[in-house]
Protein backbone atom coordinates (compact mmCIF):
# COMPACT_ATOMS: atom_id res chain seq x y z
CA MET A 1 -10.08 3.72 14.86
CA LYS A 2 -7.60 6.17 13.33
CA GLN A 3 -4.44 6.72 15.37
CA LYS A 4 -3.08 10.20 15.94
CA PRO A 5 0.20 10.91 14.15
CA VAL A 6 3.33 10.78 16.28
CA HIS A 7 5.11 14.12 16.15
CA LYS A 8 8.89 14.46 16.03
CA GLU A 9 8.86 16.31 19.38
CA VAL A 10 7.21 13.30 21.04
CA LEU A 11 9.80 10.90 19.60
CA LEU A 12 12.65 13.07 20.89
CA LYS A 13 11.26 13.02 24.46
CA GLN A 14 11.08 9.22 24.74
CA GLU A 15 13.36 7.39 27.11
CA TYR A 16 14.87 3.95 26.69
CA ASN A 17 14.00 1.85 29.74
CA PRO A 18 15.79 -1.45 29.16
CA LEU A 19 14.70 -4.73 30.68
CA SER A 20 17.22 -6.47 32.89
CA LYS A 21 19.46 -9.18 31.43
CA GLU A 22 17.70 -11.63 33.73
CA VAL A 23 14.29 -10.82 32.22
CA LEU A 24 15.67 -10.90 28.66
CA HIS A 25 17.39 -14.25 29.26
CA ASN A 26 14.15 -15.76 30.64
CA ILE A 27 12.20 -15.00 27.43
CA LYS A 28 11.23 -18.21 25.66
CA LYS A 29 9.46 -19.33 22.52
CA GLY A 30 5.73 -18.59 22.75
CA ASP A 31 6.09 -15.61 25.11
CA VAL A 32 4.44 -12.35 24.07
CA ILE A 33 6.67 -9.30 24.15
CA GLU A 34 5.96 -5.63 23.63
CA ARG A 35 8.12 -4.08 20.91
CA MET A 36 8.44 -0.35 21.41
CA LEU A 37 8.74 0.95 17.84
CA GLY A 38 10.40 4.34 17.56
CA PHE A 39 10.72 4.16 21.35
CA CYS A 40 7.05 5.17 21.73
CA ILE A 41 4.69 2.95 19.68
CA PRO A 42 3.86 -0.40 21.34
CA MET A 43 3.46 -3.55 19.23
CA ASN A 44 2.81 -7.00 20.72
CA LEU A 45 4.66 -9.92 19.14
CA ILE A 46 4.92 -13.65 19.78
CA VAL A 47 8.44 -14.97 20.30
CA GLN A 48 9.16 -17.48 17.53
CA GLU A 49 12.71 -18.51 18.40
CA VAL A 50 15.35 -17.85 21.04
CA THR A 51 19.07 -18.55 20.71
CA GLU A 52 21.98 -17.69 22.97
CA ASP A 53 22.21 -14.18 21.47
CA ILE A 54 18.94 -13.53 19.60
CA ILE A 55 15.20 -13.22 20.30
CA ASP A 56 13.23 -13.60 17.06
CA CYS A 57 9.63 -12.42 16.81
CA GLY A 58 9.58 -11.71 13.09
CA TRP A 59 11.84 -8.83 14.10
CA THR A 60 15.20 -9.71 15.63
CA PHE A 61 16.36 -8.46 19.03
CA ASP A 62 19.65 -8.75 20.90
CA ARG A 63 19.04 -11.09 23.82
CA HIS A 64 21.48 -9.22 26.06
CA THR A 65 20.17 -5.66 25.51
CA GLY A 66 16.64 -6.07 24.07
CA LEU A 67 17.52 -3.69 21.23
CA GLU A 68 16.30 -4.48 17.71
CA ILE A 69 18.89 -5.71 15.23
CA ASP A 70 18.25 -4.41 11.74
CA GLU A 71 20.85 -4.98 9.05
CA TYR A 72 19.28 -2.31 6.80
CA ILE A 73 19.09 0.53 9.33
CA SER A 74 22.22 1.81 11.05
CA VAL A 75 20.40 3.16 14.12
CA THR A 76 18.28 1.40 16.72
CA VAL A 77 14.58 2.05 16.13
CA SER A 78 12.94 -0.27 18.64
CA TYR A 79 13.45 -2.46 21.67
CA ILE A 80 11.66 -5.00 23.87
CA SER A 81 9.94 -2.96 26.55
CA LYS A 82 8.22 -5.78 28.44
CA VAL A 83 7.14 -9.40 28.53
CA LEU A 84 3.38 -9.71 28.89
CA ASN A 85 1.97 -11.77 31.74
CA GLU A 86 -0.98 -14.17 31.28
CA GLU A 87 -3.58 -11.55 32.22
CA GLU A 88 -2.15 -9.02 29.76
CA LYS A 89 -1.94 -11.63 26.98
CA ALA A 90 -5.67 -12.30 27.32
CA THR A 91 -6.54 -8.66 26.64
CA VAL A 92 -4.30 -7.68 23.70
CA LYS A 93 -4.06 -8.23 19.98
CA VAL A 94 -0.88 -9.98 18.96
CA LYS A 95 0.84 -9.76 15.57
CA LYS A 96 1.80 -13.29 14.51
């Protein structure tokens, strides 16, 4: 199924709704998170590693803010928008 293109006007209207520090600090290896790319395109990822400051899912996120860390891009382009529960995990495709 072909996705509709995301228009610049849509991207500009998106809001950043951060998860609480408590939720971010409870994320563990094996959890499935939703990465909100461009603040509006959801992508489900499996958590591969968690350290004191980092959540790694193939993309790296700050464990305190949920914002993506990208050494090649000077602006934030994505964040962790949610941690999927067991019921949600059973119904989604996950990028490994």
